[in-house]
Amino acid sequence: MLQKKIIWKLNIIDLLLIVIILLSILALIYKSVSGSGDESEYREYKLTYVCESAPIRLFETINQGELCIDAATGDEVGELSDFEVTPLFEYIPSAPETLESVSEDENDEEISEDSDEDSTDDENAEDSENSEDSERRSKKNTPTPRPTPEPTRAKAVFTAAVDAAKAEHGIRINKNVYLIGQSMQLVIGNTVFDVYISDMQ
């Protein structure tokens, strides 16, 4: 009898320990799930990628609806919903200032020589020569317009929609976190662009 009572008491203690362990495990699971909250929930985000400069011919190879992939991680970081391309025109000065200053000095010397030689002429002749010289000088100083070159590079803004989870400072896709201002290499179709994330909504 004594032996049976000891075994029976040990069985109750074992059951109590098992119940306590199970309750503690359930409490930890509940706490971890409730503590993460929205961070574990995926929803659709709208990302804006900016490419400051790239050869303009590269933008002709992409189309809406193509997948955007992070070249470093291989993650799908959106489906291209829209993109805007702005050609970049290079600035070319119209005429060097040194040539203009030299031409002005030469014209001034010609005027002084003409005035010395024609000092004995009357005032009407001097006025006509001075007006002709000023007209010639204005024509020489006027720069000839150059043709505008065709743009070879362009700036682009890509808009993509992606399912991601909210992170502390940005969004999380798989195990990688993406932040506003982050630079990355974005693969669209068969083309790679150097971009940065300018906005996420």
Protein backbone atom coordinates (compact mmCIF):
# COMPACT_ATOMS: atom_id res chain seq x y z
CA MET A 1 0.00 0.00 0.00
CA LEU A 2 2.72 2.45 0.93
CA GLN A 3 4.51 1.82 -2.34
CA LYS A 4 1.31 2.47 -4.34
CA LYS A 5 0.66 5.77 -2.52
CA ILE A 6 4.18 7.07 -3.30
CA ILE A 7 3.79 6.24 -6.99
CA TRP A 8 0.40 7.96 -7.06
CA LYS A 9 1.80 11.12 -5.46
CA LEU A 10 4.68 11.22 -7.91
CA ASN A 11 2.29 11.00 -10.83
CA ILE A 12 0.32 14.04 -9.60
CA ILE A 13 3.53 16.08 -9.22
CA ASP A 14 4.57 15.12 -12.73
CA LEU A 15 1.21 16.21 -14.08
CA LEU A 16 1.44 19.55 -12.29
CA LEU A 17 4.93 20.17 -13.68
CA ILE A 18 3.75 19.37 -17.21
CA VAL A 19 0.80 21.75 -16.87
CA ILE A 20 3.04 24.55 -15.59
CA ILE A 21 5.50 24.06 -18.44
CA LEU A 22 2.72 24.09 -21.01
CA LEU A 23 1.21 27.28 -19.55
CA SER A 24 4.58 29.05 -19.58
CA ILE A 25 5.18 28.06 -23.22
CA LEU A 26 1.73 29.33 -24.23
CA ALA A 27 2.35 32.59 -22.37
CA LEU A 28 5.65 33.13 -24.19
CA ILE A 29 4.05 32.45 -27.58
CA TYR A 30 1.19 34.86 -26.87
CA LYS A 31 3.60 37.55 -25.69
CA SER A 32 5.83 37.25 -28.75
CA VAL A 33 2.86 37.37 -31.15
CA SER A 34 1.11 40.27 -29.44
CA GLY A 35 4.36 42.20 -28.96
CA SER A 36 5.28 42.23 -32.66
CA GLY A 37 1.84 43.53 -33.66
CA ASP A 38 1.76 45.12 -37.10
CA GLU A 39 5.42 44.31 -37.82
CA SER A 40 4.56 40.72 -38.71
CA GLU A 41 1.70 41.71 -41.03
CA TYR A 42 2.44 42.20 -44.71
CA ARG A 43 0.63 44.89 -46.66
CA GLU A 44 1.13 46.70 -49.95
CA TYR A 45 3.58 49.61 -50.02
CA LYS A 46 4.23 52.10 -52.81
CA LEU A 47 7.95 52.70 -53.30
CA THR A 48 9.55 55.49 -55.34
CA TYR A 49 13.04 54.90 -56.75
CA VAL A 50 15.08 57.74 -58.28
CA CYS A 51 17.85 57.22 -60.84
CA GLU A 52 19.80 60.48 -61.11
CA SER A 53 21.55 59.71 -64.39
CA ALA A 54 21.76 56.83 -66.86
CA PRO A 55 22.15 56.45 -70.64
CA ILE A 56 18.83 57.43 -72.19
CA ARG A 57 18.75 54.32 -74.41
CA LEU A 58 18.49 52.08 -71.32
CA PHE A 59 15.04 53.44 -70.48
CA GLU A 60 13.73 52.26 -73.84
CA THR A 61 14.18 48.62 -72.76
CA ILE A 62 11.78 48.68 -69.77
CA ASN A 63 7.98 48.46 -69.59
CA GLN A 64 5.29 48.83 -66.97
CA GLY A 65 4.42 45.66 -65.10
CA GLU A 66 8.00 44.32 -64.97
CA LEU A 67 9.42 43.05 -61.70
CA CYS A 68 11.93 45.16 -59.77
CA ILE A 69 14.67 43.12 -58.10
CA ASP A 70 17.35 44.13 -55.60
CA ALA A 71 20.59 43.13 -57.32
CA ALA A 72 22.40 42.62 -53.99
CA THR A 73 19.88 40.32 -52.26
CA GLY A 74 17.75 38.96 -55.10
CA ASP A 75 14.54 40.10 -53.34
CA GLU A 76 11.57 41.22 -55.41
CA VAL A 77 11.15 44.85 -54.36
CA GLY A 78 8.07 45.73 -56.36
CA GLU A 79 6.21 45.58 -59.64
CA LEU A 80 6.83 48.61 -61.86
CA SER A 81 3.56 50.55 -62.06
CA ASP A 82 4.85 53.81 -63.55
CA PHE A 83 8.06 55.60 -64.54
CA GLU A 84 8.93 59.10 -65.70
CA VAL A 85 12.05 59.90 -67.75
CA THR A 86 13.54 63.43 -67.99
CA PRO A 87 16.34 64.02 -70.56
CA LEU A 88 19.46 65.77 -69.26
CA PHE A 89 20.89 68.50 -71.51
CA GLU A 90 24.57 69.37 -71.19
CA TYR A 91 25.45 73.07 -70.85
CA ILE A 92 27.76 74.42 -73.57
CA PRO A 93 28.94 78.05 -73.26
CA SER A 94 28.00 80.18 -76.29
CA ALA A 95 31.33 82.03 -76.71
CA PRO A 96 34.52 82.41 -74.65
CA GLU A 97 34.80 85.70 -72.83
CA THR A 98 38.48 86.05 -73.75
CA LEU A 99 37.70 86.33 -77.44
CA GLU A 100 35.10 89.01 -76.76
CA SER A 101 37.53 91.05 -74.67
CA VAL A 102 40.25 90.76 -77.35
CA SER A 103 37.85 91.89 -80.07
CA GLU A 104 36.78 94.84 -77.91
CA ASP A 105 40.42 95.88 -77.39
CA GLU A 106 41.14 95.64 -81.11
CA ASN A 107 38.09 97.72 -81.91
CA ASP A 108 39.13 100.35 -79.35
CA GLU A 109 42.59 100.60 -80.94
CA GLU A 110 41.06 100.99 -84.40
CA ILE A 111 38.79 103.72 -83.12
CA SER A 112 41.69 105.61 -81.50
CA GLU A 113 43.79 105.40 -84.69
CA ASP A 114 40.88 106.59 -86.80
CA SER A 115 40.27 109.48 -84.44
CA ASP A 116 43.94 110.59 -84.62
CA GLU A 117 44.00 110.52 -88.41
CA ASP A 118 40.66 112.24 -88.83
CA SER A 119 41.15 114.91 -86.17
CA THR A 120 41.23 117.58 -88.87
CA ASP A 121 37.83 116.52 -90.30
CA ASP A 122 34.65 118.22 -89.30
CA GLU A 123 32.32 116.97 -86.54
CA ASN A 124 29.76 115.40 -88.89
CA ALA A 125 32.34 113.02 -90.42
CA GLU A 126 33.52 111.91 -86.96
CA ASP A 127 29.98 111.17 -85.84
CA SER A 128 29.29 109.00 -88.88
CA GLU A 129 32.53 107.02 -88.46
CA ASN A 130 31.90 106.48 -84.74
CA SER A 131 28.41 105.16 -85.43
CA GLU A 132 29.77 102.76 -88.07
CA ASP A 133 32.43 101.50 -85.65
CA SER A 134 29.88 100.94 -82.89
CA GLU A 135 27.67 98.97 -85.28
CA ARG A 136 30.63 96.81 -86.33
CA ARG A 137 31.61 96.22 -82.69
CA SER A 138 28.09 95.16 -81.70
CA LYS A 139 27.98 92.69 -84.61
CA LYS A 140 31.34 91.14 -83.63
CA ASN A 141 30.40 90.82 -79.95
CA THR A 142 27.09 89.11 -80.69
CA PRO A 143 27.67 85.35 -80.21
CA THR A 144 26.39 83.03 -82.89
CA PRO A 145 23.88 80.52 -81.48
CA ARG A 146 25.01 76.89 -81.43
CA PRO A 147 22.65 74.00 -82.16
CA THR A 148 21.30 72.25 -79.05
CA PRO A 149 22.89 68.78 -78.78
CA GLU A 150 20.72 65.69 -78.47
CA PRO A 151 20.59 64.41 -74.85
CA THR A 152 22.50 61.20 -74.23
CA ARG A 153 21.57 60.73 -70.55
CA ALA A 154 18.37 61.06 -68.54
CA LYS A 155 16.95 61.09 -65.01
CA ALA A 156 14.14 58.68 -64.11
CA VAL A 157 11.63 58.19 -61.31
CA PHE A 158 10.28 54.64 -60.90
CA THR A 159 7.11 53.80 -58.95
CA ALA A 160 6.59 50.21 -57.77
CA ALA A 161 4.10 48.37 -55.54
CA VAL A 162 5.38 45.69 -53.17
CA ASP A 163 4.06 43.56 -50.28
CA ALA A 164 6.22 44.18 -47.22
CA ALA A 165 6.11 44.20 -43.41
CA LYS A 166 6.56 47.31 -41.32
CA ALA A 167 10.00 47.60 -39.70
CA GLU A 168 11.24 49.99 -37.04
CA HIS A 169 12.52 52.61 -39.51
CA GLY A 170 11.28 51.35 -42.87
CA ILE A 171 9.90 48.16 -44.37
CA ARG A 172 11.05 44.55 -44.31
CA ILE A 173 11.00 42.21 -47.30
CA ASN A 174 11.93 38.66 -46.30
CA LYS A 175 14.86 39.26 -43.92
CA ASN A 176 16.09 42.54 -45.44
CA VAL A 177 15.12 46.04 -44.26
CA TYR A 178 14.76 48.94 -46.73
CA LEU A 179 14.91 52.60 -45.66
CA ILE A 180 14.17 55.97 -47.28
CA GLY A 181 17.38 57.34 -48.79
CA GLN A 182 18.95 53.90 -49.17
CA SER A 183 21.03 53.44 -52.33
CA MET A 184 20.80 50.20 -54.24
CA GLN A 185 21.11 48.59 -57.65
CA LEU A 186 17.67 47.98 -59.11
CA VAL A 187 17.19 45.35 -61.80
CA ILE A 188 14.25 46.00 -64.14
CA GLY A 189 13.97 43.47 -66.94
CA ASN A 190 17.50 42.98 -68.23
CA THR A 191 18.78 46.39 -67.12
CA VAL A 192 20.47 47.54 -63.89
CA PHE A 193 20.00 51.09 -62.56
CA ASP A 194 21.76 52.84 -59.67
CA VAL A 195 18.88 54.25 -57.63
CA TYR A 196 17.90 55.41 -54.15
CA ILE A 197 14.56 55.11 -52.35
CA SER A 198 13.01 58.58 -52.17
CA ASP A 199 9.60 57.69 -50.73
CA MET A 200 7.54 54.80 -49.34
CA GLN A 201 3.82 54.91 -48.58
